């Protein structure tokens, strides 16, 4: 259940309001195939790879690299929150003792979540630094009983990770949680993409399409490589709707080089993966 978390003075966070997308969720690019079927599951061998020790070791290495280039406590645009009236969007679940504040690593992710999970509401977007997150969460713990935070909760499935906020006392702790989440995301994205590319090259076009859609719908939609793969698959599958949707994403992400590559493939009728 989603509710707006009451906050008498949300601007005390010192957060800037992101007005773009606030009332235009329908303008975001999306895939009709994901709207029709939010999840198609993973091939068993890909699922096994994701659960392997090798994949966990890769995620750990990525986390180490991210830590070496971590944001500082005053980095703007670190976390985005959905604001409705004087409240921030939270999630209530039976297994959680208190409320779970929803935080997102980009305005796009926040808008995508709002479009899928709470389509009837309009939101503004608050963007904050790690230091401001610490201040805000302390206020929410004291005044609204927030006990957990979920970063980039997937809008298309019920699997999500929460973190208890009782120890969120420093910006370093917030950055550490973000780093772990992002390392997991990057490792999953690369794993899924490599699998889909190999399937496409082997002529397993539907397998490649379905894995790429899982990547976009459940891992990240902000990696242009997935959309370029999907638009190439759409050409071979002669799926004009998929081609249109993937093109919209590439345009939204300002991927002019990828669009030029696509136009060349259409002219030559040659698709390379």
Protein backbone atom coordinates (compact mmCIF):
# COMPACT_ATOMS: atom_id res chain seq x y z
CA UNK A 1 0.00 0.00 0.00
CA UNK A 2 1.31 3.42 -0.97
CA UNK A 3 0.72 6.51 1.13
CA UNK A 4 2.07 10.04 1.28
CA UNK A 5 4.36 10.49 4.22
CA UNK A 6 3.35 13.61 6.12
CA UNK A 7 6.00 16.25 6.55
CA UNK A 8 5.01 19.67 7.79
CA UNK A 9 8.00 21.33 6.20
CA UNK A 10 9.54 19.19 3.46
CA UNK A 11 11.57 22.12 2.16
CA UNK A 12 13.54 21.96 5.43
CA UNK A 13 15.47 19.20 3.69
CA UNK A 14 16.96 21.82 1.44
CA UNK A 15 15.90 19.78 -1.58
CA UNK A 16 15.37 21.24 -5.01
CA UNK A 17 12.09 20.46 -6.75
CA UNK A 18 12.24 18.70 -10.11
CA UNK A 19 9.17 19.97 -11.91
CA UNK A 20 9.84 18.12 -15.16
CA UNK A 21 7.79 14.95 -15.49
CA UNK A 22 5.73 15.97 -12.46
CA UNK A 23 2.46 15.70 -14.33
CA UNK A 24 3.64 14.13 -17.58
CA UNK A 25 4.30 10.50 -16.67
CA UNK A 26 2.50 9.43 -19.84
CA UNK A 27 5.20 11.18 -21.89
CA UNK A 28 7.90 8.80 -20.67
CA UNK A 29 8.96 6.17 -23.18
CA UNK A 30 7.77 2.66 -22.43
CA UNK A 31 7.50 -0.76 -24.02
CA UNK A 32 4.04 -2.02 -24.90
CA UNK A 33 5.37 -5.56 -24.48
CA UNK A 34 6.20 -4.81 -20.84
CA UNK A 35 2.78 -3.28 -20.30
CA UNK A 36 1.20 -6.44 -21.74
CA UNK A 37 3.42 -8.79 -19.71
CA UNK A 38 5.61 -7.14 -17.05
CA UNK A 39 7.85 -10.21 -16.59
CA UNK A 40 8.75 -13.14 -18.79
CA UNK A 41 11.21 -14.72 -16.37
CA UNK A 42 14.80 -15.73 -17.10
CA UNK A 43 16.22 -18.76 -18.89
CA UNK A 44 17.34 -21.30 -16.30
CA UNK A 45 21.01 -21.08 -17.26
CA UNK A 46 20.99 -17.28 -16.96
CA UNK A 47 19.32 -17.52 -13.54
CA UNK A 48 22.03 -19.98 -12.50
CA UNK A 49 24.74 -17.58 -13.65
CA UNK A 50 23.17 -14.77 -11.65
CA UNK A 51 23.22 -16.94 -8.52
CA UNK A 52 26.79 -18.10 -9.03
CA UNK A 53 29.85 -17.24 -6.95
CA UNK A 54 31.52 -15.79 -10.05
CA UNK A 55 28.73 -13.28 -10.48
CA UNK A 56 28.88 -12.28 -6.81
CA UNK A 57 32.64 -11.79 -7.10
CA UNK A 58 32.11 -9.56 -10.14
CA UNK A 59 29.56 -7.49 -8.23
CA UNK A 60 32.05 -7.12 -5.37
CA UNK A 61 34.72 -5.86 -7.76
CA UNK A 62 32.32 -3.33 -9.23
CA UNK A 63 31.40 -2.20 -5.73
CA UNK A 64 35.08 -1.71 -4.92
CA UNK A 65 35.55 0.41 -8.05
CA UNK A 66 32.50 2.51 -7.19
CA UNK A 67 33.77 3.09 -3.67
CA UNK A 68 37.00 4.44 -5.13
CA UNK A 69 35.02 7.08 -7.02
CA UNK A 70 32.18 7.63 -4.56
CA UNK A 71 30.12 10.81 -4.47
CA UNK A 72 30.82 13.26 -1.70
CA UNK A 73 28.19 14.12 0.90
CA UNK A 74 27.11 17.30 -0.89
CA UNK A 75 26.76 15.81 -4.38
CA UNK A 76 23.49 17.12 -5.88
CA UNK A 77 21.11 14.74 -7.60
CA UNK A 78 22.12 11.77 -5.46
CA UNK A 79 18.60 10.62 -4.55
CA UNK A 80 15.14 11.49 -5.85
CA UNK A 81 11.91 11.31 -3.83
CA UNK A 82 8.31 11.51 -5.01
CA UNK A 83 6.39 14.37 -3.41
CA UNK A 84 2.60 14.59 -3.26
CA UNK A 85 1.24 17.65 -1.48
CA UNK A 86 3.23 17.96 1.75
CA UNK A 87 4.24 14.30 1.82
CA UNK A 88 6.81 11.96 0.33
CA UNK A 89 5.73 8.63 -1.10
CA UNK A 90 6.21 5.64 1.17
CA UNK A 91 5.31 1.98 0.99
CA UNK A 92 3.55 0.02 3.75
CA UNK A 93 4.07 -3.73 3.98
CA UNK A 94 2.84 -6.21 6.63
CA UNK A 95 6.36 -7.50 7.28
CA UNK A 96 7.70 -4.03 8.11
CA UNK A 97 7.12 -2.51 11.55
CA UNK A 98 6.92 1.03 10.19
CA UNK A 99 6.80 2.89 6.91
CA UNK A 100 9.29 2.39 4.08
CA UNK A 101 10.42 5.57 2.35
CA UNK A 102 10.90 5.16 -1.41
CA UNK A 103 14.09 6.66 -2.84
CA UNK A 104 15.31 6.53 -6.44
CA UNK A 105 18.70 7.05 -8.02
CA UNK A 106 17.31 9.19 -10.86
CA UNK A 107 14.17 11.18 -11.69
CA UNK A 108 13.46 8.75 -14.55
CA UNK A 109 13.31 5.80 -12.16
CA UNK A 110 11.04 7.75 -9.83
CA UNK A 111 8.72 8.69 -12.68
CA UNK A 112 8.63 5.15 -14.05
CA UNK A 113 7.69 3.81 -10.61
CA UNK A 114 4.94 6.40 -10.21
CA UNK A 115 3.53 5.68 -13.67
CA UNK A 116 3.29 1.94 -13.06
CA UNK A 117 2.40 1.75 -9.36
CA UNK A 118 0.37 4.91 -8.70
CA UNK A 119 -0.82 6.01 -12.15
CA UNK A 120 -3.68 8.17 -10.87
CA UNK A 121 -1.50 10.60 -8.93
CA UNK A 122 0.71 13.53 -9.84
CA UNK A 123 4.04 14.09 -8.16
CA UNK A 124 6.80 16.62 -7.93
CA UNK A 125 10.36 15.38 -7.66
CA UNK A 126 12.73 16.18 -4.81
CA UNK A 127 16.40 15.69 -5.50
CA UNK A 128 18.86 15.62 -2.59
CA UNK A 129 22.51 15.13 -1.66
CA UNK A 130 23.65 12.32 0.69
CA UNK A 131 23.93 14.79 3.56
CA UNK A 132 20.37 15.99 2.97
CA UNK A 133 19.14 12.38 2.91
CA UNK A 134 20.60 11.88 6.40
CA UNK A 135 18.90 15.01 7.71
CA UNK A 136 15.58 14.14 6.10
CA UNK A 137 15.50 10.55 7.27
CA UNK A 138 16.25 11.61 10.84
CA UNK A 139 13.28 13.95 10.64
CA UNK A 140 11.05 11.24 9.17
CA UNK A 141 12.06 8.71 11.84
CA UNK A 142 11.15 11.15 14.59
CA UNK A 143 7.95 12.60 13.14
CA UNK A 144 6.44 9.92 10.92
CA UNK A 145 7.71 6.56 12.16
CA UNK A 146 9.73 5.64 9.08
CA UNK A 147 11.80 2.54 9.82
CA UNK A 148 13.06 1.47 6.38
CA UNK A 149 14.20 2.80 3.03
CA UNK A 150 13.97 1.11 -0.38
CA UNK A 151 16.27 2.30 -3.16
CA UNK A 152 15.03 1.89 -6.74
CA UNK A 153 12.19 -0.46 -5.88
CA UNK A 154 11.16 -2.25 -9.06
CA UNK A 155 7.71 -1.13 -10.26
CA UNK A 156 7.02 -4.41 -12.06
CA UNK A 157 7.59 -7.12 -9.45
CA UNK A 158 7.22 -7.71 -5.73
CA UNK A 159 10.89 -8.47 -5.06
CA UNK A 160 12.65 -5.59 -3.37
CA UNK A 161 15.29 -4.90 -0.74
CA UNK A 162 14.82 -2.60 2.24
CA UNK A 163 17.38 -1.16 4.60
CA UNK A 164 16.71 -0.23 8.20
CA UNK A 165 17.28 3.49 8.73
CA UNK A 166 18.02 3.39 12.46
CA UNK A 167 21.75 3.60 11.71
CA UNK A 168 21.57 6.19 8.93
CA UNK A 169 23.57 8.73 10.91
CA UNK A 170 26.18 9.79 8.36
CA UNK A 171 26.36 10.53 4.65
CA UNK A 172 29.01 7.81 4.30
CA UNK A 173 26.48 5.18 5.40
CA UNK A 174 23.98 6.42 2.81
CA UNK A 175 26.64 6.40 0.08
CA UNK A 176 27.69 2.87 1.07
CA UNK A 177 24.13 1.56 0.64
CA UNK A 178 23.85 3.31 -2.73
CA UNK A 179 27.18 1.79 -3.81
CA UNK A 180 26.09 -1.76 -3.00
CA UNK A 181 22.80 -1.30 -4.84
CA UNK A 182 24.47 0.21 -7.89
CA UNK A 183 27.14 -2.49 -8.06
CA UNK A 184 24.41 -5.14 -8.06
CA UNK A 185 22.55 -3.29 -10.80
CA UNK A 186 25.60 -2.88 -13.04
CA UNK A 187 26.60 -6.53 -12.66
CA UNK A 188 23.07 -7.72 -13.49
CA UNK A 189 22.80 -5.35 -16.44
CA UNK A 190 26.04 -6.58 -17.99
CA UNK A 191 25.15 -10.22 -17.35
CA UNK A 192 21.72 -9.93 -18.97
CA UNK A 193 23.02 -7.89 -21.89
CA UNK A 194 25.86 -10.29 -22.67
CA UNK A 195 23.43 -13.21 -22.57
CA UNK A 196 20.92 -11.45 -24.84
CA UNK A 197 23.64 -10.45 -27.33
CA UNK A 198 24.91 -14.02 -27.50
CA UNK A 199 21.38 -15.32 -28.02
CA UNK A 200 20.77 -12.78 -30.80
CA UNK A 201 24.02 -13.69 -32.55
CA UNK A 202 23.00 -17.38 -32.36
CA UNK A 203 19.65 -16.60 -34.00
CA UNK A 204 17.61 -17.05 -30.80
CA UNK A 205 15.78 -13.81 -31.37
CA UNK A 206 12.83 -14.29 -29.01
CA UNK A 207 15.11 -15.42 -26.19
CA UNK A 208 17.26 -12.34 -26.75
CA UNK A 209 14.21 -10.08 -26.84
CA UNK A 210 12.74 -11.49 -23.64
CA UNK A 211 16.00 -11.18 -21.69
CA UNK A 212 16.51 -7.63 -22.95
CA UNK A 213 12.98 -6.76 -21.83
CA UNK A 214 13.70 -8.21 -18.37
CA UNK A 215 16.78 -6.01 -18.26
CA UNK A 216 14.83 -2.89 -19.19
CA UNK A 217 11.83 -3.64 -17.00
CA UNK A 218 13.52 -4.99 -13.87
CA UNK A 219 17.16 -3.87 -13.81
CA UNK A 220 17.59 -0.54 -15.57
CA UNK A 221 16.03 1.27 -18.51
CA UNK A 222 18.81 3.86 -18.56
CA UNK A 223 21.43 1.80 -20.40
CA UNK A 224 21.09 2.61 -24.12
CA UNK A 225 22.73 -0.66 -25.16
CA UNK A 226 19.59 -2.59 -24.24
CA UNK A 227 17.39 -0.36 -26.41
CA UNK A 228 19.77 -0.57 -29.35
CA UNK A 229 19.67 -4.35 -29.08
CA UNK A 230 15.87 -4.33 -28.90
CA UNK A 231 15.48 -2.11 -31.94
CA UNK A 232 17.78 -4.42 -33.94
CA UNK A 233 15.80 -7.43 -32.81
CA UNK A 234 12.61 -5.62 -33.78
CA UNK A 235 13.95 -5.21 -37.32
CA UNK A 236 14.67 -8.91 -37.63
CA UNK A 237 11.39 -9.90 -35.99
CA UNK A 238 9.50 -7.36 -38.12
CA UNK A 239 7.90 -5.99 -34.99
CA UNK A 240 7.06 -2.38 -35.78
CA UNK A 241 5.63 -1.69 -32.32
CA UNK A 242 8.83 -2.87 -30.61
CA UNK A 243 10.92 -0.88 -33.07
CA UNK A 244 8.90 2.27 -32.34
CA UNK A 245 9.19 1.85 -28.57
CA UNK A 246 12.94 1.22 -28.67
CA UNK A 247 13.45 4.23 -30.92
CA UNK A 248 11.58 6.40 -28.43
CA UNK A 249 13.94 5.31 -25.68
CA UNK A 250 17.03 6.00 -27.77
CA UNK A 251 15.67 9.45 -28.62
CA UNK A 252 14.80 10.11 -24.97
CA UNK A 253 18.34 9.11 -23.93
CA UNK A 254 19.80 11.33 -26.69
CA UNK A 255 21.57 8.44 -28.41
CA UNK A 256 22.12 10.03 -31.81
CA UNK A 257 24.96 7.67 -32.76
CA UNK A 258 22.81 4.62 -32.02
CA UNK A 259 19.95 6.04 -34.08
CA UNK A 260 22.35 6.64 -36.97
CA UNK A 261 23.57 3.04 -36.65
CA UNK A 262 19.96 1.90 -36.78
CA UNK A 263 19.21 3.95 -39.90
CA UNK A 264 22.26 2.44 -41.59
CA UNK A 265 21.07 -1.07 -40.71
CA UNK A 266 17.66 -0.32 -42.21
CA UNK A 267 19.21 0.95 -45.46
CA UNK A 268 21.62 -1.95 -45.86
CA UNK A 269 19.22 -4.54 -44.43
CA UNK A 270 22.09 -5.88 -42.36
CA UNK A 271 21.89 -6.22 -38.59
CA UNK A 272 25.03 -6.90 -36.61
CA UNK A 273 25.20 -7.70 -32.90
